Amino acid sequence: HGGAHRHTVVMRPKTRLAEIYGPSEVRVSS
């Protein structure tokens, strides 16, 4: 329907993304 959609993502260990978001999963808007 065109609205924002949220789902989980899991950060890869030992990456810049993991340093920023932490090593666990987070819910993102995409």
PDB file of all heavy atoms in Angstrom:
ATOM      1  N   HIS A   1       0.815  -1.217   0.000  1.00  0.00           N
ATOM      2  CA  HIS A   1       0.000   0.000   0.000  1.00  0.00           C
ATOM      3  C   HIS A   1       0.851   1.271   0.000  1.00  0.00           C
ATOM      4  O   HIS A   1       0.314   2.370   0.009  1.00  0.00           O
ATOM      5  CB  HIS A   1      -0.945   0.005   1.196  1.00  0.00           C
ATOM      6  CG  HIS A   1      -1.849  -1.197   1.250  1.00  0.00           C
ATOM      7  ND1 HIS A   1      -2.834  -1.422   0.310  1.00  0.00           N
ATOM      8  CD2 HIS A   1      -1.901  -2.252   2.109  1.00  0.00           C
ATOM      9  CE1 HIS A   1      -3.457  -2.565   0.597  1.00  0.00           C
ATOM     10  NE2 HIS A   1      -2.909  -3.077   1.672  1.00  0.00           N
ATOM     11  N   GLY A   2       2.172   1.101   0.018  1.00  0.00           N
ATOM     12  CA  GLY A   2       3.070   2.243  -0.122  1.00  0.00           C
ATOM     13  C   GLY A   2       3.595   2.838   1.155  1.00  0.00           C
ATOM     14  O   GLY A   2       4.384   3.774   1.125  1.00  0.00           O
ATOM     15  N   GLY A   3       3.196   2.327   2.305  1.00  0.00           N
ATOM     16  CA  GLY A   3       3.662   2.878   3.570  1.00  0.00           C
ATOM     17  C   GLY A   3       5.022   2.330   3.972  1.00  0.00           C
ATOM     18  O   GLY A   3       5.580   1.443   3.325  1.00  0.00           O
ATOM     19  N   ALA A   4       5.546   2.865   5.082  1.00  0.00           N
ATOM     20  CA  ALA A   4       6.816   2.373   5.613  1.00  0.00           C
ATOM     21  C   ALA A   4       6.630   0.946   6.119  1.00  0.00           C
ATOM     22  O   ALA A   4       5.575   0.585   6.647  1.00  0.00           O
ATOM     23  CB  ALA A   4       7.298   3.273   6.730  1.00  0.00           C
ATOM     24  N   HIS A   5       7.642   0.124   5.935  1.00  0.00           N
ATOM     25  CA  HIS A   5       7.578  -1.281   6.353  1.00  0.00           C
ATOM     26  C   HIS A   5       8.759  -1.552   7.282  1.00  0.00           C
ATOM     27  O   HIS A   5       9.877  -1.123   7.016  1.00  0.00           O
ATOM     28  CB  HIS A   5       7.648  -2.192   5.123  1.00  0.00           C
ATOM     29  CG  HIS A   5       7.663  -3.651   5.478  1.00  0.00           C
ATOM     30  ND1 HIS A   5       6.548  -4.314   5.949  1.00  0.00           N
ATOM     31  CD2 HIS A   5       8.664  -4.568   5.437  1.00  0.00           C
ATOM     32  CE1 HIS A   5       6.855  -5.579   6.170  1.00  0.00           C
ATOM     33  NE2 HIS A   5       8.125  -5.753   5.868  1.00  0.00           N
ATOM     34  N   ARG A   6       8.507  -2.250   8.378  1.00  0.00           N
ATOM     35  CA  ARG A   6       9.576  -2.541   9.331  1.00  0.00           C
ATOM     36  C   ARG A   6       9.810  -4.050   9.399  1.00  0.00           C
ATOM     37  O   ARG A   6       8.862  -4.846   9.383  1.00  0.00           O
ATOM     38  CB  ARG A   6       9.230  -2.002  10.721  1.00  0.00           C
ATOM     39  CG  ARG A   6       9.079  -0.490  10.762  1.00  0.00           C
ATOM     40  CD  ARG A   6       8.884   0.020  12.178  1.00  0.00           C
ATOM     41  NE  ARG A   6      10.091  -0.067  12.965  1.00  0.00           N
ATOM     42  CZ  ARG A   6      11.079   0.823  12.951  1.00  0.00           C
ATOM     43  NH1 ARG A   6      10.996   1.887  12.159  1.00  0.00           N
ATOM     44  NH2 ARG A   6      12.140   0.679  13.704  1.00  0.00           N
ATOM     45  N   HIS A   7      11.079  -4.407   9.442  1.00  0.00           N
ATOM     46  CA  HIS A   7      11.450  -5.810   9.656  1.00  0.00           C
ATOM     47  C   HIS A   7      12.810  -5.840  10.334  1.00  0.00           C
ATOM     48  O   HIS A   7      13.488  -4.803  10.447  1.00  0.00           O
ATOM     49  CB  HIS A   7      11.467  -6.600   8.340  1.00  0.00           C
ATOM     50  CG  HIS A   7      12.481  -6.129   7.345  1.00  0.00           C
ATOM     51  ND1 HIS A   7      13.819  -6.428   7.444  1.00  0.00           N
ATOM     52  CD2 HIS A   7      12.350  -5.383   6.222  1.00  0.00           C
ATOM     53  CE1 HIS A   7      14.473  -5.896   6.422  1.00  0.00           C
ATOM     54  NE2 HIS A   7      13.610  -5.252   5.673  1.00  0.00           N
ATOM     55  N   THR A   8      13.221  -6.991  10.783  1.00  0.00           N
ATOM     56  CA  THR A   8      14.492  -7.095  11.501  1.00  0.00           C
ATOM     57  C   THR A   8      15.657  -7.299  10.530  1.00  0.00           C
ATOM     58  O   THR A   8      15.486  -7.839   9.437  1.00  0.00           O
ATOM     59  CB  THR A   8      14.477  -8.263  12.505  1.00  0.00           C
ATOM     60  OG1 THR A   8      14.256  -9.485  11.798  1.00  0.00           O
ATOM     61  CG2 THR A   8      13.396  -8.055  13.554  1.00  0.00           C
ATOM     62  N   VAL A   9      16.824  -6.870  10.961  1.00  0.00           N
ATOM     63  CA  VAL A   9      18.083  -7.183  10.281  1.00  0.00           C
ATOM     64  C   VAL A   9      19.087  -7.592  11.350  1.00  0.00           C
ATOM     65  O   VAL A   9      18.981  -7.173  12.511  1.00  0.00           O
ATOM     66  CB  VAL A   9      18.635  -5.994   9.459  1.00  0.00           C
ATOM     67  CG1 VAL A   9      17.674  -5.585   8.367  1.00  0.00           C
ATOM     68  CG2 VAL A   9      18.956  -4.808  10.352  1.00  0.00           C
ATOM     69  N   VAL A  10      20.034  -8.415  10.953  1.00  0.00           N
ATOM     70  CA  VAL A  10      21.063  -8.893  11.879  1.00  0.00           C
ATOM     71  C   VAL A  10      22.420  -8.392  11.395  1.00  0.00           C
ATOM     72  O   VAL A  10      22.802  -8.619  10.245  1.00  0.00           O
ATOM     73  CB  VAL A  10      21.066 -10.435  11.960  1.00  0.00           C
ATOM     74  CG1 VAL A  10      22.154 -10.910  12.924  1.00  0.00           C
ATOM     75  CG2 VAL A  10      19.706 -10.947  12.392  1.00  0.00           C
ATOM     76  N   MET A  11      23.134  -7.702  12.274  1.00  0.00           N
ATOM     77  CA  MET A  11      24.434  -7.153  11.928  1.00  0.00           C
ATOM     78  C   MET A  11      25.493  -8.262  11.901  1.00  0.00           C
ATOM     79  O   MET A  11      25.499  -9.147  12.758  1.00  0.00           O
ATOM     80  CB  MET A  11      24.850  -6.069  12.927  1.00  0.00           C
ATOM     81  CG  MET A  11      23.840  -4.955  13.081  1.00  0.00           C
ATOM     82  SD  MET A  11      23.521  -4.087  11.530  1.00  0.00           S
ATOM     83  CE  MET A  11      21.942  -3.312  11.913  1.00  0.00           C
ATOM     84  N   ARG A  12      26.367  -8.189  10.923  1.00  0.00           N
ATOM     85  CA  ARG A  12      27.473  -9.129  10.849  1.00  0.00           C
ATOM     86  C   ARG A  12      28.521  -8.767  11.914  1.00  0.00           C
ATOM     87  O   ARG A  12      28.860  -7.595  12.066  1.00  0.00           O
ATOM     88  CB  ARG A  12      28.136  -9.064   9.464  1.00  0.00           C
ATOM     89  CG  ARG A  12      27.520  -9.977   8.425  1.00  0.00           C
ATOM     90  CD  ARG A  12      27.842 -11.429   8.726  1.00  0.00           C
ATOM     91  NE  ARG A  12      27.260 -12.356   7.777  1.00  0.00           N
ATOM     92  CZ  ARG A  12      27.842 -12.760   6.646  1.00  0.00           C
ATOM     93  NH1 ARG A  12      29.017 -12.286   6.307  1.00  0.00           N
ATOM     94  NH2 ARG A  12      27.251 -13.616   5.867  1.00  0.00           N
ATOM     95  N   PRO A  13      29.070  -9.769  12.625  1.00  0.00           N
ATOM     96  CA  PRO A  13      30.087  -9.490  13.651  1.00  0.00           C
ATOM     97  C   PRO A  13      31.337  -8.845  13.045  1.00  0.00           C
ATOM     98  O   PRO A  13      31.658  -9.054  11.873  1.00  0.00           O
ATOM     99  CB  PRO A  13      30.407 -10.881  14.216  1.00  0.00           C
ATOM    100  CG  PRO A  13      29.240 -11.736  13.839  1.00  0.00           C
ATOM    101  CD  PRO A  13      28.729 -11.195  12.533  1.00  0.00           C
ATOM    102  N   LYS A  14      32.016  -8.057  13.845  1.00  0.00           N
ATOM    103  CA  LYS A  14      33.307  -7.457  13.499  1.00  0.00           C
ATOM    104  C   LYS A  14      33.207  -6.557  12.266  1.00  0.00           C
ATOM    105  O   LYS A  14      34.106  -6.512  11.430  1.00  0.00           O
ATOM    106  CB  LYS A  14      34.368  -8.533  13.281  1.00  0.00           C
ATOM    107  CG  LYS A  14      34.616  -9.394  14.505  1.00  0.00           C
ATOM    108  CD  LYS A  14      35.687 -10.456  14.242  1.00  0.00           C
ATOM    109  CE  LYS A  14      35.901 -11.323  15.477  1.00  0.00           C
ATOM    110  NZ  LYS A  14      36.941 -12.373  15.241  1.00  0.00           N
ATOM    111  N   THR A  15      32.095  -5.854  12.142  1.00  0.00           N
ATOM    112  CA  THR A  15      31.923  -4.893  11.055  1.00  0.00           C
ATOM    113  C   THR A  15      31.659  -3.514  11.651  1.00  0.00           C
ATOM    114  O   THR A  15      31.355  -3.376  12.840  1.00  0.00           O
ATOM    115  CB  THR A  15      30.736  -5.265  10.144  1.00  0.00           C
ATOM    116  OG1 THR A  15      29.524  -5.277  10.931  1.00  0.00           O
ATOM    117  CG2 THR A  15      30.931  -6.630   9.505  1.00  0.00           C
ATOM    118  N   ARG A  16      31.759  -2.507  10.807  1.00  0.00           N
ATOM    119  CA  ARG A  16      31.429  -1.151  11.235  1.00  0.00           C
ATOM    120  C   ARG A  16      29.968  -1.070  11.660  1.00  0.00           C
ATOM    121  O   ARG A  16      29.617  -0.386  12.616  1.00  0.00           O
ATOM    122  CB  ARG A  16      31.713  -0.165  10.102  1.00  0.00           C
ATOM    123  CG  ARG A  16      31.358   1.270  10.436  1.00  0.00           C
ATOM    124  CD  ARG A  16      31.798   2.226   9.361  1.00  0.00           C
ATOM    125  NE  ARG A  16      33.239   2.439   9.403  1.00  0.00           N
ATOM    126  CZ  ARG A  16      34.067   2.184   8.417  1.00  0.00           C
ATOM    127  NH1 ARG A  16      33.608   1.688   7.287  1.00  0.00           N
ATOM    128  NH2 ARG A  16      35.366   2.421   8.531  1.00  0.00           N
ATOM    129  N   LEU A  17      29.089  -1.776  10.928  1.00  0.00           N
ATOM    130  CA  LEU A  17      27.671  -1.764  11.281  1.00  0.00           C
ATOM    131  C   LEU A  17      27.448  -2.347  12.663  1.00  0.00           C
ATOM    132  O   LEU A  17      26.624  -1.843  13.444  1.00  0.00           O
ATOM    133  CB  LEU A  17      26.864  -2.541  10.249  1.00  0.00           C
ATOM    134  CG  LEU A  17      26.324  -1.804   9.012  1.00  0.00           C
ATOM    135  CD1 LEU A  17      25.369  -0.698   9.395  1.00  0.00           C
ATOM    136  CD2 LEU A  17      27.441  -1.273   8.138  1.00  0.00           C
ATOM    137  N   ALA A  18      28.165  -3.418  13.005  1.00  0.00           N
ATOM    138  CA  ALA A  18      28.025  -4.023  14.327  1.00  0.00           C
ATOM    139  C   ALA A  18      28.537  -3.086  15.417  1.00  0.00           C
ATOM    140  O   ALA A  18      27.979  -3.043  16.521  1.00  0.00           O
ATOM    141  CB  ALA A  18      28.765  -5.357  14.381  1.00  0.00           C
ATOM    142  N   GLU A  19      29.577  -2.335  15.125  1.00  0.00           N
ATOM    143  CA  GLU A  19      30.091  -1.366  16.092  1.00  0.00           C
ATOM    144  C   GLU A  19      29.050  -0.285  16.374  1.00  0.00           C
ATOM    145  O   GLU A  19      28.929   0.193  17.508  1.00  0.00           O
ATOM    146  CB  GLU A  19      31.374  -0.724  15.568  1.00  0.00           C
ATOM    147  CG  GLU A  19      32.566  -1.660  15.504  1.00  0.00           C
ATOM    148  CD  GLU A  19      33.780  -0.990  14.869  1.00  0.00           C
ATOM    149  OE1 GLU A  19      33.691   0.215  14.547  1.00  0.00           O
ATOM    150  OE2 GLU A  19      34.808  -1.668  14.707  1.00  0.00           O
ATOM    151  N   ILE A  20      28.310   0.102  15.359  1.00  0.00           N
ATOM    152  CA  ILE A  20      27.331   1.178  15.504  1.00  0.00           C
ATOM    153  C   ILE A  20      26.022   0.682  16.101  1.00  0.00           C
ATOM    154  O   ILE A  20      25.482   1.272  17.053  1.00  0.00           O
ATOM    155  CB  ILE A  20      27.070   1.856  14.146  1.00  0.00           C
ATOM    156  CG1 ILE A  20      28.344   2.553  13.645  1.00  0.00           C
ATOM    157  CG2 ILE A  20      25.911   2.851  14.237  1.00  0.00           C
ATOM    158  CD1 ILE A  20      28.264   3.026  12.215  1.00  0.00           C
ATOM    159  N   TYR A  21      25.499  -0.422  15.568  1.00  0.00           N
ATOM    160  CA  TYR A  21      24.184  -0.921  15.960  1.00  0.00           C
ATOM    161  C   TYR A  21      24.236  -2.006  17.032  1.00  0.00           C
ATOM    162  O   TYR A  21      23.200  -2.349  17.611  1.00  0.00           O
ATOM    163  CB  TYR A  21      23.444  -1.469  14.742  1.00  0.00           C
ATOM    164  CG  TYR A  21      22.897  -0.419  13.815  1.00  0.00           C
ATOM    165  CD1 TYR A  21      23.673   0.105  12.786  1.00  0.00           C
ATOM    166  CD2 TYR A  21      21.593   0.073  13.958  1.00  0.00           C
ATOM    167  CE1 TYR A  21      23.171   1.080  11.923  1.00  0.00           C
ATOM    168  CE2 TYR A  21      21.087   1.028  13.109  1.00  0.00           C
ATOM    169  CZ  TYR A  21      21.876   1.539  12.095  1.00  0.00           C
ATOM    170  OH  TYR A  21      21.384   2.500  11.246  1.00  0.00           O
ATOM    171  N   GLY A  22      25.426  -2.554  17.281  1.00  0.00           N
ATOM    172  CA  GLY A  22      25.529  -3.683  18.181  1.00  0.00           C
ATOM    173  C   GLY A  22      25.431  -4.983  17.409  1.00  0.00           C
ATOM    174  O   GLY A  22      24.982  -5.015  16.263  1.00  0.00           O
ATOM    175  N   PRO A  23      25.823  -6.099  18.035  1.00  0.00           N
ATOM    176  CA  PRO A  23      25.883  -7.382  17.318  1.00  0.00           C
ATOM    177  C   PRO A  23      24.540  -8.086  17.173  1.00  0.00           C
ATOM    178  O   PRO A  23      24.455  -9.104  16.484  1.00  0.00           O
ATOM    179  CB  PRO A  23      26.831  -8.208  18.198  1.00  0.00           C
ATOM    180  CG  PRO A  23      26.615  -7.659  19.579  1.00  0.00           C
ATOM    181  CD  PRO A  23      26.337  -6.190  19.408  1.00  0.00           C
ATOM    182  N   SER A  24      23.506  -7.580  17.797  1.00  0.00           N
ATOM    183  CA  SER A  24      22.219  -8.273  17.757  1.00  0.00           C
ATOM    184  C   SER A  24      21.354  -7.758  16.612  1.00  0.00           C
ATOM    185  O   SER A  24      21.764  -6.895  15.836  1.00  0.00           O
ATOM    186  CB  SER A  24      21.490  -8.102  19.087  1.00  0.00           C
ATOM    187  OG  SER A  24      21.279  -6.725  19.343  1.00  0.00           O
ATOM    188  N   GLU A  25      20.122  -8.249  16.533  1.00  0.00           N
ATOM    189  CA  GLU A  25      19.225  -7.807  15.479  1.00  0.00           C
ATOM    190  C   GLU A  25      18.494  -6.539  15.897  1.00  0.00           C
ATOM    191  O   GLU A  25      18.286  -6.280  17.086  1.00  0.00           O
ATOM    192  CB  GLU A  25      18.235  -8.904  15.117  1.00  0.00           C
ATOM    193  CG  GLU A  25      17.219  -9.263  16.201  1.00  0.00           C
ATOM    194  CD  GLU A  25      16.251 -10.338  15.740  1.00  0.00           C
ATOM    195  OE1 GLU A  25      16.671 -11.243  14.983  1.00  0.00           O
ATOM    196  OE2 GLU A  25      15.082 -10.270  16.140  1.00  0.00           O
ATOM    197  N   VAL A  26      18.136  -5.721  14.917  1.00  0.00           N
ATOM    198  CA  VAL A  26      17.372  -4.500  15.158  1.00  0.00           C
ATOM    199  C   VAL A  26      16.246  -4.433  14.128  1.00  0.00           C
ATOM    200  O   VAL A  26      16.303  -5.079  13.077  1.00  0.00           O
ATOM    201  CB  VAL A  26      18.247  -3.226  15.049  1.00  0.00           C
ATOM    202  CG1 VAL A  26      19.335  -3.228  16.104  1.00  0.00           C
ATOM    203  CG2 VAL A  26      18.849  -3.091  13.654  1.00  0.00           C
ATOM    204  N   ARG A  27      15.231  -3.646  14.435  1.00  0.00           N
ATOM    205  CA  ARG A  27      14.130  -3.435  13.502  1.00  0.00           C
ATOM    206  C   ARG A  27      14.389  -2.139  12.739  1.00  0.00           C
ATOM    207  O   ARG A  27      14.714  -1.108  13.337  1.00  0.00           O
ATOM    208  CB  ARG A  27      12.795  -3.361  14.233  1.00  0.00           C
ATOM    209  CG  ARG A  27      12.365  -4.709  14.801  1.00  0.00           C
ATOM    210  CD  ARG A  27      10.983  -4.630  15.448  1.00  0.00           C
ATOM    211  NE  ARG A  27       9.946  -4.366  14.461  1.00  0.00           N
ATOM    212  CZ  ARG A  27       9.379  -5.292  13.697  1.00  0.00           C
ATOM    213  NH1 ARG A  27       9.771  -6.548  13.780  1.00  0.00           N
ATOM    214  NH2 ARG A  27       8.419  -4.986  12.839  1.00  0.00           N
ATOM    215  N   VAL A  28      14.269  -2.212  11.434  1.00  0.00           N
ATOM    216  CA  VAL A  28      14.543  -1.049  10.591  1.00  0.00           C
ATOM    217  C   VAL A  28      13.329  -0.739   9.714  1.00  0.00           C
ATOM    218  O   VAL A  28      12.455  -1.583   9.516  1.00  0.00           O
ATOM    219  CB  VAL A  28      15.783  -1.286   9.698  1.00  0.00           C
ATOM    220  CG1 VAL A  28      17.022  -1.481  10.550  1.00  0.00           C
ATOM    221  CG2 VAL A  28      15.567  -2.481   8.775  1.00  0.00           C
ATOM    222  N   SER A  29      13.297   0.473   9.200  1.00  0.00           N
ATOM    223  CA  SER A  29      12.220   0.915   8.330  1.00  0.00           C
ATOM    224  C   SER A  29      12.711   0.937   6.890  1.00  0.00           C
ATOM    225  O   SER A  29      13.668   1.652   6.570  1.00  0.00           O
ATOM    226  CB  SER A  29      11.761   2.328   8.745  1.00  0.00           C
ATOM    227  OG  SER A  29      10.788   2.825   7.851  1.00  0.00           O
ATOM    228  N   SER A  30      12.079   0.142   6.036  1.00  0.00           N
ATOM    229  CA  SER A  30      12.517   0.096   4.640  1.00  0.00           C
ATOM    230  C   SER A  30      11.316  -0.145   3.731  1.00  0.00           C
ATOM    231  O   SER A  30      10.236  -0.516   4.183  1.00  0.00           O
ATOM    232  CB  SER A  30      13.561  -1.009   4.415  1.00  0.00           C
ATOM    233  OG  SER A  30      12.995  -2.285   4.607  1.00  0.00           O
TER     234      SER A  30
END
